[in-house]
């Protein structure tokens, strides 16, 4: 079995890689590779701003349906997103599930949840 990404997948890879290169700069550059285990309190407020920036650009809830505020990306694009996010040194999320859920007030089931705009210290 030969596993390979499609041309569409590689186009998406270039899109997210370019976006990360263009956006994880300036005031956000200090966040590269920050926020992981043992570093979760570093730059907390700035990481919250980064999460809001991701959400404003539509990069939260990558695999969620578009009707629920996500991108509706296929699994291959979700994998590519996280590969390129890690390759670029994207910081760890500042709030539990901040990146997993789109920046919307409710899930498809109608239940309220924390969005990328609700960074709060635990």
PDB file of N, CA and C in Angstrom:
ATOM      1  N   UNK A   1       0.832  -1.160   0.000  1.00  0.00           N
ATOM      2  CA  UNK A   1       0.000   0.000   0.000  1.00  0.00           C
ATOM      3  C   UNK A   1       0.887   1.238   0.000  1.00  0.00           C
ATOM      4  N   UNK A   2       0.578   2.159  -0.876  1.00  0.00           N
ATOM      5  CA  UNK A   2       1.325   3.410  -0.961  1.00  0.00           C
ATOM      6  C   UNK A   2       0.444   4.541  -0.429  1.00  0.00           C
ATOM      7  N   UNK A   3       0.909   5.170   0.616  1.00  0.00           N
ATOM      8  CA  UNK A   3       0.187   6.297   1.183  1.00  0.00           C
ATOM      9  C   UNK A   3       0.865   7.586   0.744  1.00  0.00           C
ATOM     10  N   UNK A   4       0.068   8.491   0.225  1.00  0.00           N
ATOM     11  CA  UNK A   4       0.613   9.772  -0.215  1.00  0.00           C
ATOM     12  C   UNK A   4      -0.478  10.831  -0.143  1.00  0.00           C
ATOM     13  N   UNK A   5      -0.064  12.068   0.031  1.00  0.00           N
ATOM     14  CA  UNK A   5      -1.011  13.169   0.026  1.00  0.00           C
ATOM     15  C   UNK A   5      -1.343  13.546  -1.416  1.00  0.00           C
ATOM     16  N   UNK A   6      -2.561  13.992  -1.643  1.00  0.00           N
ATOM     17  CA  UNK A   6      -3.003  14.395  -2.977  1.00  0.00           C
ATOM     18  C   UNK A   6      -2.470  15.794  -3.304  1.00  0.00           C
ATOM     19  N   UNK A   7      -2.659  16.198  -4.551  1.00  0.00           N
ATOM     20  CA  UNK A   7      -2.264  17.539  -4.968  1.00  0.00           C
ATOM     21  C   UNK A   7      -3.046  18.590  -4.172  1.00  0.00           C
ATOM     22  N   UNK A   8      -4.333  18.325  -3.904  1.00  0.00           N
ATOM     23  CA  UNK A   8      -5.149  19.239  -3.096  1.00  0.00           C
ATOM     24  C   UNK A   8      -4.596  19.337  -1.680  1.00  0.00           C
ATOM     25  N   UNK A   9      -4.179  18.200  -1.127  1.00  0.00           N
ATOM     26  CA  UNK A   9      -3.584  18.196   0.210  1.00  0.00           C
ATOM     27  C   UNK A   9      -2.321  19.058   0.245  1.00  0.00           C
ATOM     28  N   UNK A  10      -1.488  18.916  -0.757  1.00  0.00           N
ATOM     29  CA  UNK A  10      -0.234  19.676  -0.798  1.00  0.00           C
ATOM     30  C   UNK A  10      -0.495  21.168  -1.004  1.00  0.00           C
ATOM     31  N   UNK A  11      -1.552  21.500  -1.728  1.00  0.00           N
ATOM     32  CA  UNK A  11      -1.947  22.900  -1.885  1.00  0.00           C
ATOM     33  C   UNK A  11      -2.376  23.465  -0.527  1.00  0.00           C
ATOM     34  N   UNK A  12      -3.126  22.673   0.224  1.00  0.00           N
ATOM     35  CA  UNK A  12      -3.545  23.078   1.563  1.00  0.00           C
ATOM     36  C   UNK A  12      -2.324  23.226   2.473  1.00  0.00           C
ATOM     37  N   UNK A  13      -1.371  22.311   2.354  1.00  0.00           N
ATOM     38  CA  UNK A  13      -0.139  22.382   3.154  1.00  0.00           C
ATOM     39  C   UNK A  13       0.580  23.706   2.895  1.00  0.00           C
ATOM     40  N   UNK A  14       0.682  24.091   1.632  1.00  0.00           N
ATOM     41  CA  UNK A  14       1.342  25.354   1.290  1.00  0.00           C
ATOM     42  C   UNK A  14       0.566  26.539   1.867  1.00  0.00           C
ATOM     43  N   UNK A  15      -0.764  26.439   1.869  1.00  0.00           N
ATOM     44  CA  UNK A  15      -1.590  27.514   2.418  1.00  0.00           C
ATOM     45  C   UNK A  15      -1.333  27.710   3.910  1.00  0.00           C
ATOM     46  N   UNK A  16      -1.396  26.639   4.688  1.00  0.00           N
ATOM     47  CA  UNK A  16      -1.210  26.789   6.134  1.00  0.00           C
ATOM     48  C   UNK A  16       0.252  27.120   6.469  1.00  0.00           C
ATOM     49  N   UNK A  17       1.188  26.543   5.746  1.00  0.00           N
ATOM     50  CA  UNK A  17       2.607  26.864   5.991  1.00  0.00           C
ATOM     51  C   UNK A  17       2.865  28.340   5.723  1.00  0.00           C
ATOM     52  N   UNK A  18       2.294  28.856   4.651  1.00  0.00           N
ATOM     53  CA  UNK A  18       2.450  30.269   4.327  1.00  0.00           C
ATOM     54  C   UNK A  18       1.792  31.158   5.361  1.00  0.00           C
ATOM     55  N   UNK A  19       0.596  30.763   5.808  1.00  0.00           N
ATOM     56  CA  UNK A  19      -0.101  31.553   6.815  1.00  0.00           C
ATOM     57  C   UNK A  19       0.703  31.595   8.110  1.00  0.00           C
ATOM     58  N   UNK A  20       1.229  30.459   8.528  1.00  0.00           N
ATOM     59  CA  UNK A  20       2.031  30.420   9.755  1.00  0.00           C
ATOM     60  C   UNK A  20       3.279  31.279   9.606  1.00  0.00           C
ATOM     61  N   UNK A  21       3.949  31.193   8.472  1.00  0.00           N
ATOM     62  CA  UNK A  21       5.161  31.990   8.244  1.00  0.00           C
ATOM     63  C   UNK A  21       4.844  33.480   8.278  1.00  0.00           C
ATOM     64  N   UNK A  22       3.692  33.859   7.760  1.00  0.00           N
ATOM     65  CA  UNK A  22       3.302  35.266   7.717  1.00  0.00           C
ATOM     66  C   UNK A  22       2.777  35.783   9.056  1.00  0.00           C
ATOM     67  N   UNK A  23       2.270  34.900   9.902  1.00  0.00           N
ATOM     68  CA  UNK A  23       1.581  35.344  11.105  1.00  0.00           C
ATOM     69  C   UNK A  23       2.275  35.046  12.424  1.00  0.00           C
ATOM     70  N   UNK A  24       3.142  34.062  12.462  1.00  0.00           N
ATOM     71  CA  UNK A  24       3.863  33.769  13.706  1.00  0.00           C
ATOM     72  C   UNK A  24       5.156  34.592  13.707  1.00  0.00           C
ATOM     73  N   UNK A  25       4.967  35.892  13.571  1.00  0.00           N
ATOM     74  CA  UNK A  25       6.063  36.860  13.480  1.00  0.00           C
ATOM     75  C   UNK A  25       5.734  38.049  14.365  1.00  0.00           C
ATOM     76  N   UNK A  26       6.615  39.020  14.376  1.00  0.00           N
ATOM     77  CA  UNK A  26       6.370  40.237  15.147  1.00  0.00           C
ATOM     78  C   UNK A  26       6.119  39.924  16.609  1.00  0.00           C
ATOM     79  N   UNK A  27       5.043  40.449  17.146  1.00  0.00           N
ATOM     80  CA  UNK A  27       4.753  40.249  18.574  1.00  0.00           C
ATOM     81  C   UNK A  27       4.505  38.783  18.912  1.00  0.00           C
ATOM     82  N   UNK A  28       4.092  37.970  17.922  1.00  0.00           N
ATOM     83  CA  UNK A  28       3.832  36.553  18.178  1.00  0.00           C
ATOM     84  C   UNK A  28       5.075  35.674  18.046  1.00  0.00           C
ATOM     85  N   UNK A  29       6.155  36.202  17.523  1.00  0.00           N
ATOM     86  CA  UNK A  29       7.356  35.389  17.294  1.00  0.00           C
ATOM     87  C   UNK A  29       7.904  34.778  18.575  1.00  0.00           C
ATOM     88  N   UNK A  30       7.775  35.486  19.692  1.00  0.00           N
ATOM     89  CA  UNK A  30       8.268  34.994  20.979  1.00  0.00           C
ATOM     90  C   UNK A  30       7.510  33.727  21.419  1.00  0.00           C
ATOM     91  N   UNK A  31       6.379  33.463  20.807  1.00  0.00           N
ATOM     92  CA  UNK A  31       5.572  32.292  21.180  1.00  0.00           C
ATOM     93  C   UNK A  31       6.031  30.989  20.532  1.00  0.00           C
ATOM     94  N   UNK A  32       6.932  31.059  19.583  1.00  0.00           N
ATOM     95  CA  UNK A  32       7.350  29.838  18.892  1.00  0.00           C
ATOM     96  C   UNK A  32       7.819  28.788  19.897  1.00  0.00           C
ATOM     97  N   UNK A  33       7.225  27.607  19.783  1.00  0.00           N
ATOM     98  CA  UNK A  33       7.568  26.438  20.606  1.00  0.00           C
ATOM     99  C   UNK A  33       7.326  26.653  22.098  1.00  0.00           C
ATOM    100  N   UNK A  34       6.428  27.545  22.469  1.00  0.00           N
ATOM    101  CA  UNK A  34       6.160  27.810  23.876  1.00  0.00           C
ATOM    102  C   UNK A  34       4.827  27.196  24.301  1.00  0.00           C
ATOM    103  N   UNK A  35       4.665  27.030  25.609  1.00  0.00           N
ATOM    104  CA  UNK A  35       3.391  26.640  26.182  1.00  0.00           C
ATOM    105  C   UNK A  35       3.169  25.166  26.406  1.00  0.00           C
ATOM    106  N   UNK A  36       4.141  24.347  26.142  1.00  0.00           N
ATOM    107  CA  UNK A  36       3.983  22.908  26.351  1.00  0.00           C
ATOM    108  C   UNK A  36       4.117  22.537  27.820  1.00  0.00           C
ATOM    109  N   UNK A  37       4.179  21.241  28.115  1.00  0.00           N
ATOM    110  CA  UNK A  37       4.303  20.790  29.504  1.00  0.00           C
ATOM    111  C   UNK A  37       5.474  21.455  30.223  1.00  0.00           C
ATOM    112  N   UNK A  38       5.193  21.989  31.400  1.00  0.00           N
ATOM    113  CA  UNK A  38       6.203  22.690  32.173  1.00  0.00           C
ATOM    114  C   UNK A  38       6.374  24.138  31.761  1.00  0.00           C
ATOM    115  N   UNK A  39       5.717  24.539  30.685  1.00  0.00           N
ATOM    116  CA  UNK A  39       5.837  25.895  30.150  1.00  0.00           C
ATOM    117  C   UNK A  39       4.439  26.487  29.909  1.00  0.00           C
ATOM    118  N   UNK A  40       3.433  25.845  30.487  1.00  0.00           N
ATOM    119  CA  UNK A  40       2.051  26.225  30.166  1.00  0.00           C
ATOM    120  C   UNK A  40       1.639  27.614  30.631  1.00  0.00           C
ATOM    121  N   UNK A  41       2.389  28.214  31.536  1.00  0.00           N
ATOM    122  CA  UNK A  41       2.041  29.551  32.015  1.00  0.00           C
ATOM    123  C   UNK A  41       2.821  30.651  31.295  1.00  0.00           C
ATOM    124  N   UNK A  42       3.757  30.272  30.456  1.00  0.00           N
ATOM    125  CA  UNK A  42       4.569  31.261  29.741  1.00  0.00           C
ATOM    126  C   UNK A  42       3.726  32.014  28.721  1.00  0.00           C
ATOM    127  N   UNK A  43       3.802  33.318  28.758  1.00  0.00           N
ATOM    128  CA  UNK A  43       3.127  34.178  27.782  1.00  0.00           C
ATOM    129  C   UNK A  43       1.638  33.864  27.652  1.00  0.00           C
ATOM    130  N   UNK A  44       0.996  33.543  28.756  1.00  0.00           N
ATOM    131  CA  UNK A  44      -0.402  33.110  28.726  1.00  0.00           C
ATOM    132  C   UNK A  44      -1.292  34.110  27.989  1.00  0.00           C
ATOM    133  N   UNK A  45      -1.202  35.385  28.344  1.00  0.00           N
ATOM    134  CA  UNK A  45      -2.063  36.394  27.727  1.00  0.00           C
ATOM    135  C   UNK A  45      -1.781  36.544  26.238  1.00  0.00           C
ATOM    136  N   UNK A  46      -0.523  36.498  25.860  1.00  0.00           N
ATOM    137  CA  UNK A  46      -0.173  36.609  24.447  1.00  0.00           C
ATOM    138  C   UNK A  46      -0.631  35.361  23.686  1.00  0.00           C
ATOM    139  N   UNK A  47      -0.549  34.194  24.323  1.00  0.00           N
ATOM    140  CA  UNK A  47      -1.055  32.977  23.669  1.00  0.00           C
ATOM    141  C   UNK A  47      -2.563  33.059  23.491  1.00  0.00           C
ATOM    142  N   UNK A  48      -3.268  33.699  24.419  1.00  0.00           N
ATOM    143  CA  UNK A  48      -4.711  33.936  24.246  1.00  0.00           C
ATOM    144  C   UNK A  48      -4.956  34.822  23.027  1.00  0.00           C
ATOM    145  N   UNK A  49      -4.145  35.867  22.882  1.00  0.00           N
ATOM    146  CA  UNK A  49      -4.270  36.729  21.699  1.00  0.00           C
ATOM    147  C   UNK A  49      -4.004  35.928  20.422  1.00  0.00           C
ATOM    148  N   UNK A  50      -3.016  35.042  20.465  1.00  0.00           N
ATOM    149  CA  UNK A  50      -2.712  34.192  19.314  1.00  0.00           C
ATOM    150  C   UNK A  50      -3.918  33.313  18.973  1.00  0.00           C
ATOM    151  N   UNK A  51      -4.551  32.726  19.989  1.00  0.00           N
ATOM    152  CA  UNK A  51      -5.731  31.889  19.758  1.00  0.00           C
ATOM    153  C   UNK A  51      -6.848  32.694  19.092  1.00  0.00           C
ATOM    154  N   UNK A  52      -7.033  33.932  19.536  1.00  0.00           N
ATOM    155  CA  UNK A  52      -8.045  34.794  18.917  1.00  0.00           C
ATOM    156  C   UNK A  52      -7.666  35.101  17.469  1.00  0.00           C
ATOM    157  N   UNK A  53      -6.380  35.307  17.231  1.00  0.00           N
ATOM    158  CA  UNK A  53      -5.880  35.566  15.878  1.00  0.00           C
ATOM    159  C   UNK A  53      -6.138  34.347  14.983  1.00  0.00           C
ATOM    160  N   UNK A  54      -5.862  33.156  15.500  1.00  0.00           N
ATOM    161  CA  UNK A  54      -6.163  31.928  14.755  1.00  0.00           C
ATOM    162  C   UNK A  54      -7.656  31.844  14.432  1.00  0.00           C
ATOM    163  N   UNK A  55      -8.480  32.118  15.436  1.00  0.00           N
ATOM    164  CA  UNK A  55      -9.925  32.049  15.249  1.00  0.00           C
ATOM    165  C   UNK A  55     -10.429  33.046  14.223  1.00  0.00           C
ATOM    166  N   UNK A  56      -9.904  34.255  14.257  1.00  0.00           N
ATOM    167  CA  UNK A  56     -10.319  35.285  13.310  1.00  0.00           C
ATOM    168  C   UNK A  56      -9.990  34.891  11.876  1.00  0.00           C
ATOM    169  N   UNK A  57      -8.931  34.106  11.718  1.00  0.00           N
ATOM    170  CA  UNK A  57      -8.520  33.653  10.389  1.00  0.00           C
ATOM    171  C   UNK A  57      -9.177  32.330  10.007  1.00  0.00           C
ATOM    172  N   UNK A  58     -10.008  31.792  10.893  1.00  0.00           N
ATOM    173  CA  UNK A  58     -10.705  30.545  10.583  1.00  0.00           C
ATOM    174  C   UNK A  58      -9.907  29.282  10.830  1.00  0.00           C
ATOM    175  N   UNK A  59      -8.863  29.365  11.666  1.00  0.00           N
ATOM    176  CA  UNK A  59      -8.018  28.200  11.912  1.00  0.00           C
ATOM    177  C   UNK A  59      -8.354  27.475  13.205  1.00  0.00           C
ATOM    178  N   UNK A  60      -9.506  27.722  13.797  1.00  0.00           N
ATOM    179  CA  UNK A  60      -9.951  26.920  14.933  1.00  0.00           C
ATOM    180  C   UNK A  60     -11.060  26.002  14.440  1.00  0.00           C
ATOM    181  N   UNK A  61     -11.188  24.846  15.026  1.00  0.00           N
ATOM    182  CA  UNK A  61     -12.212  23.902  14.584  1.00  0.00           C
ATOM    183  C   UNK A  61     -11.998  23.444  13.155  1.00  0.00           C
ATOM    184  N   UNK A  62     -10.769  23.179  12.788  1.00  0.00           N
ATOM    185  CA  UNK A  62     -10.429  22.828  11.407  1.00  0.00           C
ATOM    186  C   UNK A  62     -11.278  21.667  10.886  1.00  0.00           C
ATOM    187  N   UNK A  63     -11.537  20.675  11.733  1.00  0.00           N
ATOM    188  CA  UNK A  63     -12.310  19.515  11.300  1.00  0.00           C
ATOM    189  C   UNK A  63     -13.802  19.617  11.560  1.00  0.00           C
ATOM    190  N   UNK A  64     -14.231  20.672  12.225  1.00  0.00           N
ATOM    191  CA  UNK A  64     -15.658  20.830  12.502  1.00  0.00           C
ATOM    192  C   UNK A  64     -16.403  21.199  11.227  1.00  0.00           C
ATOM    193  N   UNK A  65     -17.680  20.849  11.149  1.00  0.00           N
ATOM    194  CA  UNK A  65     -18.472  21.239   9.966  1.00  0.00           C
ATOM    195  C   UNK A  65     -18.543  22.764   9.836  1.00  0.00           C
ATOM    196  N   UNK A  66     -18.644  23.244   8.615  1.00  0.00           N
ATOM    197  CA  UNK A  66     -18.744  24.682   8.392  1.00  0.00           C
ATOM    198  C   UNK A  66     -19.981  25.259   9.060  1.00  0.00           C
ATOM    199  N   UNK A  67     -21.064  24.503   9.083  1.00  0.00           N
ATOM    200  CA  UNK A  67     -22.302  24.972   9.714  1.00  0.00           C
ATOM    201  C   UNK A  67     -22.119  25.231  11.206  1.00  0.00           C
ATOM    202  N   UNK A  68     -21.119  24.606  11.806  1.00  0.00           N
ATOM    203  CA  UNK A  68     -20.841  24.777  13.236  1.00  0.00           C
ATOM    204  C   UNK A  68     -19.694  25.759  13.473  1.00  0.00           C
ATOM    205  N   UNK A  69     -19.238  26.435  12.419  1.00  0.00           N
ATOM    206  CA  UNK A  69     -18.184  27.424  12.563  1.00  0.00           C
ATOM    207  C   UNK A  69     -16.789  26.941  12.244  1.00  0.00           C
ATOM    208  N   UNK A  70     -16.656  25.680  11.836  1.00  0.00           N
ATOM    209  CA  UNK A  70     -15.343  25.147  11.494  1.00  0.00           C
ATOM    210  C   UNK A  70     -15.036  25.278  10.017  1.00  0.00           C
ATOM    211  N   UNK A  71     -13.976  24.631   9.597  1.00  0.00           N
ATOM    212  CA  UNK A  71     -13.587  24.635   8.185  1.00  0.00           C
ATOM    213  C   UNK A  71     -14.143  23.440   7.416  1.00  0.00           C
ATOM    214  N   UNK A  72     -14.606  22.431   8.138  1.00  0.00           N
ATOM    215  CA  UNK A  72     -15.116  21.245   7.461  1.00  0.00           C
ATOM    216  C   UNK A  72     -14.026  20.495   6.714  1.00  0.00           C
ATOM    217  N   UNK A  73     -12.809  20.584   7.218  1.00  0.00           N
ATOM    218  CA  UNK A  73     -11.663  19.981   6.539  1.00  0.00           C
ATOM    219  C   UNK A  73     -11.685  18.462   6.647  1.00  0.00           C
ATOM    220  N   UNK A  74     -11.282  17.783   5.568  1.00  0.00           N
ATOM    221  CA  UNK A  74     -11.161  16.329   5.646  1.00  0.00           C
ATOM    222  C   UNK A  74     -10.008  15.948   6.578  1.00  0.00           C
ATOM    223  N   UNK A  75      -9.973  14.705   6.974  1.00  0.00           N
ATOM    224  CA  UNK A  75      -8.952  14.233   7.908  1.00  0.00           C
ATOM    225  C   UNK A  75      -7.537  14.545   7.415  1.00  0.00           C
ATOM    226  N   UNK A  76      -7.293  14.384   6.125  1.00  0.00           N
ATOM    227  CA  UNK A  76      -5.945  14.662   5.610  1.00  0.00           C
ATOM    228  C   UNK A  76      -5.547  16.119   5.859  1.00  0.00           C
ATOM    229  N   UNK A  77      -6.483  17.047   5.707  1.00  0.00           N
ATOM    230  CA  UNK A  77      -6.172  18.462   5.951  1.00  0.00           C
ATOM    231  C   UNK A  77      -5.971  18.737   7.433  1.00  0.00           C
ATOM    232  N   UNK A  78      -6.706  18.023   8.276  1.00  0.00           N
ATOM    233  CA  UNK A  78      -6.519  18.190   9.715  1.00  0.00           C
ATOM    234  C   UNK A  78      -5.115  17.752  10.120  1.00  0.00           C
ATOM    235  N   UNK A  79      -4.681  16.616   9.596  1.00  0.00           N
ATOM    236  CA  UNK A  79      -3.335  16.114   9.876  1.00  0.00           C
ATOM    237  C   UNK A  79      -2.296  17.116   9.387  1.00  0.00           C
ATOM    238  N   UNK A  80      -2.477  17.598   8.177  1.00  0.00           N
ATOM    239  CA  UNK A  80      -1.541  18.563   7.591  1.00  0.00           C
ATOM    240  C   UNK A  80      -1.502  19.845   8.417  1.00  0.00           C
ATOM    241  N   UNK A  81      -2.664  20.317   8.867  1.00  0.00           N
ATOM    242  CA  UNK A  81      -2.695  21.525   9.694  1.00  0.00           C
ATOM    243  C   UNK A  81      -1.795  21.350  10.906  1.00  0.00           C
ATOM    244  N   UNK A  82      -1.968  20.254  11.634  1.00  0.00           N
ATOM    245  CA  UNK A  82      -1.177  20.052  12.849  1.00  0.00           C
ATOM    246  C   UNK A  82       0.298  19.784  12.539  1.00  0.00           C
ATOM    247  N   UNK A  83       0.587  19.138  11.428  1.00  0.00           N
ATOM    248  CA  UNK A  83       1.992  18.963  11.027  1.00  0.00           C
ATOM    249  C   UNK A  83       2.647  20.320  10.791  1.00  0.00           C
ATOM    250  N   UNK A  84       1.983  21.167  10.023  1.00  0.00           N
ATOM    251  CA  UNK A  84       2.565  22.466   9.684  1.00  0.00           C
ATOM    252  C   UNK A  84       2.575  23.415  10.873  1.00  0.00           C
ATOM    253  N   UNK A  85       1.566  23.308  11.735  1.00  0.00           N
ATOM    254  CA  UNK A  85       1.540  24.120  12.949  1.00  0.00           C
ATOM    255  C   UNK A  85       2.755  23.775  13.809  1.00  0.00           C
ATOM    256  N   UNK A  86       3.006  22.487  13.971  1.00  0.00           N
ATOM    257  CA  UNK A  86       4.161  22.044  14.763  1.00  0.00           C
ATOM    258  C   UNK A  86       5.475  22.413  14.072  1.00  0.00           C
ATOM    259  N   UNK A  87       5.539  22.223  12.761  1.00  0.00           N
ATOM    260  CA  UNK A  87       6.766  22.541  12.016  1.00  0.00           C
ATOM    261  C   UNK A  87       7.119  24.025  12.152  1.00  0.00           C
ATOM    262  N   UNK A  88       6.102  24.887  12.176  1.00  0.00           N
ATOM    263  CA  UNK A  88       6.319  26.327  12.299  1.00  0.00           C
ATOM    264  C   UNK A  88       6.627  26.748  13.731  1.00  0.00           C
ATOM    265  N   UNK A  89       6.437  25.832  14.696  1.00  0.00           N
ATOM    266  CA  UNK A  89       6.687  26.163  16.098  1.00  0.00           C
ATOM    267  C   UNK A  89       5.496  26.829  16.758  1.00  0.00           C
ATOM    268  N   UNK A  90       4.304  26.562  16.251  1.00  0.00           N
ATOM    269  CA  UNK A  90       3.100  27.158  16.842  1.00  0.00           C
ATOM    270  C   UNK A  90       3.002  26.824  18.318  1.00  0.00           C
ATOM    271  N   UNK A  91       2.591  27.807  19.132  1.00  0.00           N
ATOM    272  CA  UNK A  91       2.521  27.578  20.579  1.00  0.00           C
ATOM    273  C   UNK A  91       1.387  26.647  20.969  1.00  0.00           C
ATOM    274  N   UNK A  92       1.537  26.029  22.128  1.00  0.00           N
ATOM    275  CA  UNK A  92       0.467  25.190  22.665  1.00  0.00           C
ATOM    276  C   UNK A  92      -0.734  26.066  22.975  1.00  0.00           C
ATOM    277  N   UNK A  93      -1.911  25.483  22.891  1.00  0.00           N
ATOM    278  CA  UNK A  93      -3.142  26.215  23.187  1.00  0.00           C
ATOM    279  C   UNK A  93      -3.102  26.742  24.619  1.00  0.00           C
ATOM    280  N   UNK A  94      -3.644  27.916  24.826  1.00  0.00           N
ATOM    281  CA  UNK A  94      -3.628  28.537  26.144  1.00  0.00           C
ATOM    282  C   UNK A  94      -4.809  28.122  27.000  1.00  0.00           C
ATOM    283  N   UNK A  95      -5.813  27.518  26.406  1.00  0.00           N
ATOM    284  CA  UNK A  95      -6.982  27.053  27.150  1.00  0.00           C
ATOM    285  C   UNK A  95      -7.339  25.663  26.640  1.00  0.00           C
ATOM    286  N   UNK A  96      -7.838  24.825  27.506  1.00  0.00           N
ATOM    287  CA  UNK A  96      -8.194  23.473  27.106  1.00  0.00           C
ATOM    288  C   UNK A  96      -9.153  23.534  25.930  1.00  0.00           C
ATOM    289  N   UNK A  97      -8.832  22.822  24.884  1.00  0.00           N
ATOM    290  CA  UNK A  97      -9.632  22.686  23.665  1.00  0.00           C
ATOM    291  C   UNK A  97      -9.815  23.975  22.888  1.00  0.00           C
ATOM    292  N   UNK A  98      -9.037  25.000  23.161  1.00  0.00           N
ATOM    293  CA  UNK A  98      -9.212  26.259  22.444  1.00  0.00           C
ATOM    294  C   UNK A  98      -9.099  26.082  20.943  1.00  0.00           C
ATOM    295  N   UNK A  99      -8.234  25.195  20.483  1.00  0.00           N
ATOM    296  CA  UNK A  99      -8.054  25.024  19.057  1.00  0.00           C
ATOM    297  C   UNK A  99      -8.978  23.960  18.478  1.00  0.00           C
ATOM    298  N   UNK A 100      -9.475  23.087  19.335  1.00  0.00           N
ATOM    299  CA  UNK A 100     -10.337  22.017  18.849  1.00  0.00           C
ATOM    300  C   UNK A 100     -11.724  22.525  18.489  1.00  0.00           C
ATOM    301  N   UNK A 101     -12.168  23.581  19.167  1.00  0.00           N
ATOM    302  CA  UNK A 101     -13.510  24.088  18.920  1.00  0.00           C
ATOM    303  C   UNK A 101     -13.452  25.394  18.162  1.00  0.00           C
ATOM    304  N   UNK A 102     -14.362  25.599  17.235  1.00  0.00           N
ATOM    305  CA  UNK A 102     -14.396  26.863  16.513  1.00  0.00           C
ATOM    306  C   UNK A 102     -14.816  27.998  17.441  1.00  0.00           C
ATOM    307  N   UNK A 103     -14.527  29.209  17.050  1.00  0.00           N
ATOM    308  CA  UNK A 103     -14.853  30.377  17.870  1.00  0.00           C
ATOM    309  C   UNK A 103     -16.339  30.712  17.722  1.00  0.00           C
ATOM    310  N   UNK A 104     -17.175  29.835  18.231  1.00  0.00           N
ATOM    311  CA  UNK A 104     -18.630  29.998  18.184  1.00  0.00           C
ATOM    312  C   UNK A 104     -19.183  29.690  19.564  1.00  0.00           C
ATOM    313  N   UNK A 105     -20.350  30.223  19.894  1.00  0.00           N
ATOM    314  CA  UNK A 105     -20.875  30.038  21.241  1.00  0.00           C
ATOM    315  C   UNK A 105     -21.445  28.662  21.548  1.00  0.00           C
ATOM    316  N   UNK A 106     -21.713  27.843  20.555  1.00  0.00           N
ATOM    317  CA  UNK A 106     -22.267  26.521  20.866  1.00  0.00           C
ATOM    318  C   UNK A 106     -21.813  25.488  19.861  1.00  0.00           C
ATOM    319  N   UNK A 107     -21.869  24.239  20.269  1.00  0.00           N
ATOM    320  CA  UNK A 107     -21.475  23.130  19.414  1.00  0.00           C
ATOM    321  C   UNK A 107     -22.665  22.718  18.556  1.00  0.00           C
ATOM    322  N   UNK A 108     -22.478  21.784  17.601  1.00  0.00           N
ATOM    323  CA  UNK A 108     -23.603  21.325  16.800  1.00  0.00           C
ATOM    324  C   UNK A 108     -24.742  20.767  17.651  1.00  0.00           C
ATOM    325  N   UNK A 109     -24.436  20.280  18.840  1.00  0.00           N
ATOM    326  CA  UNK A 109     -25.474  19.734  19.715  1.00  0.00           C
ATOM    327  C   UNK A 109     -26.202  20.841  20.470  1.00  0.00           C
ATOM    328  N   UNK A 110     -25.731  22.074  20.332  1.00  0.00           N
ATOM    329  CA  UNK A 110     -26.351  23.199  21.024  1.00  0.00           C
ATOM    330  C   UNK A 110     -25.779  23.466  22.401  1.00  0.00           C
ATOM    331  N   UNK A 111     -24.824  22.641  22.846  1.00  0.00           N
ATOM    332  CA  UNK A 111     -24.223  22.832  24.169  1.00  0.00           C
ATOM    333  C   UNK A 111     -23.210  23.958  24.115  1.00  0.00           C
ATOM    334  N   UNK A 112     -23.173  24.764  25.147  1.00  0.00           N
ATOM    335  CA  UNK A 112     -22.230  25.871  25.235  1.00  0.00           C
ATOM    336  C   UNK A 112     -20.832  25.314  25.521  1.00  0.00           C
ATOM    337  N   UNK A 113     -19.823  25.988  25.038  1.00  0.00           N
ATOM    338  CA  UNK A 113     -18.451  25.564  25.304  1.00  0.00           C
ATOM    339  C   UNK A 113     -17.535  26.768  25.297  1.00  0.00           C
ATOM    340  N   UNK A 114     -16.305  26.544  25.728  1.00  0.00           N
ATOM    341  CA  UNK A 114     -15.292  27.596  25.703  1.00  0.00           C
ATOM    342  C   UNK A 114     -14.796  27.749  24.282  1.00  0.00           C
ATOM    343  N   UNK A 115     -14.697  28.950  23.821  1.00  0.00           N
ATOM    344  CA  UNK A 115     -14.176  29.212  22.484  1.00  0.00           C
ATOM    345  C   UNK A 115     -12.773  29.784  22.604  1.00  0.00           C
ATOM    346  N   UNK A 116     -12.153  29.999  21.446  1.00  0.00           N
ATOM    347  CA  UNK A 116     -10.799  30.560  21.468  1.00  0.00           C
ATOM    348  C   UNK A 116     -10.809  31.987  22.009  1.00  0.00           C
ATOM    349  N   UNK A 117     -11.962  32.600  22.096  1.00  0.00           N
ATOM    350  CA  UNK A 117     -12.055  33.942  22.628  1.00  0.00           C
ATOM    351  C   UNK A 117     -12.256  33.965  24.124  1.00  0.00           C
ATOM    352  N   UNK A 118     -12.201  32.826  24.788  1.00  0.00           N
ATOM    353  CA  UNK A 118     -12.494  32.790  26.217  1.00  0.00           C
ATOM    354  C   UNK A 118     -11.311  32.331  27.048  1.00  0.00           C
ATOM    355  N   UNK A 119     -10.141  32.781  26.706  1.00  0.00           N
ATOM    356  CA  UNK A 119      -8.954  32.413  27.479  1.00  0.00           C
ATOM    357  C   UNK A 119      -9.107  32.873  28.903  1.00  0.00           C
ATOM    358  N   UNK A 120      -9.056  31.920  29.806  1.00  0.00           N
ATOM    359  CA  UNK A 120      -9.123  32.223  31.237  1.00  0.00           C
ATOM    360  C   UNK A 120      -8.105  31.350  31.938  1.00  0.00           C
ATOM    361  N   UNK A 121      -7.506  31.917  32.931  1.00  0.00           N
ATOM    362  CA  UNK A 121      -6.566  31.124  33.724  1.00  0.00           C
ATOM    363  C   UNK A 121      -7.373  30.169  34.593  1.00  0.00           C
ATOM    364  N   UNK A 122      -6.926  28.929  34.661  1.00  0.00           N
ATOM    365  CA  UNK A 122      -7.620  27.928  35.478  1.00  0.00           C
ATOM    366  C   UNK A 122      -7.230  28.062  36.929  1.00  0.00           C
TER     367      UNK A 122
END
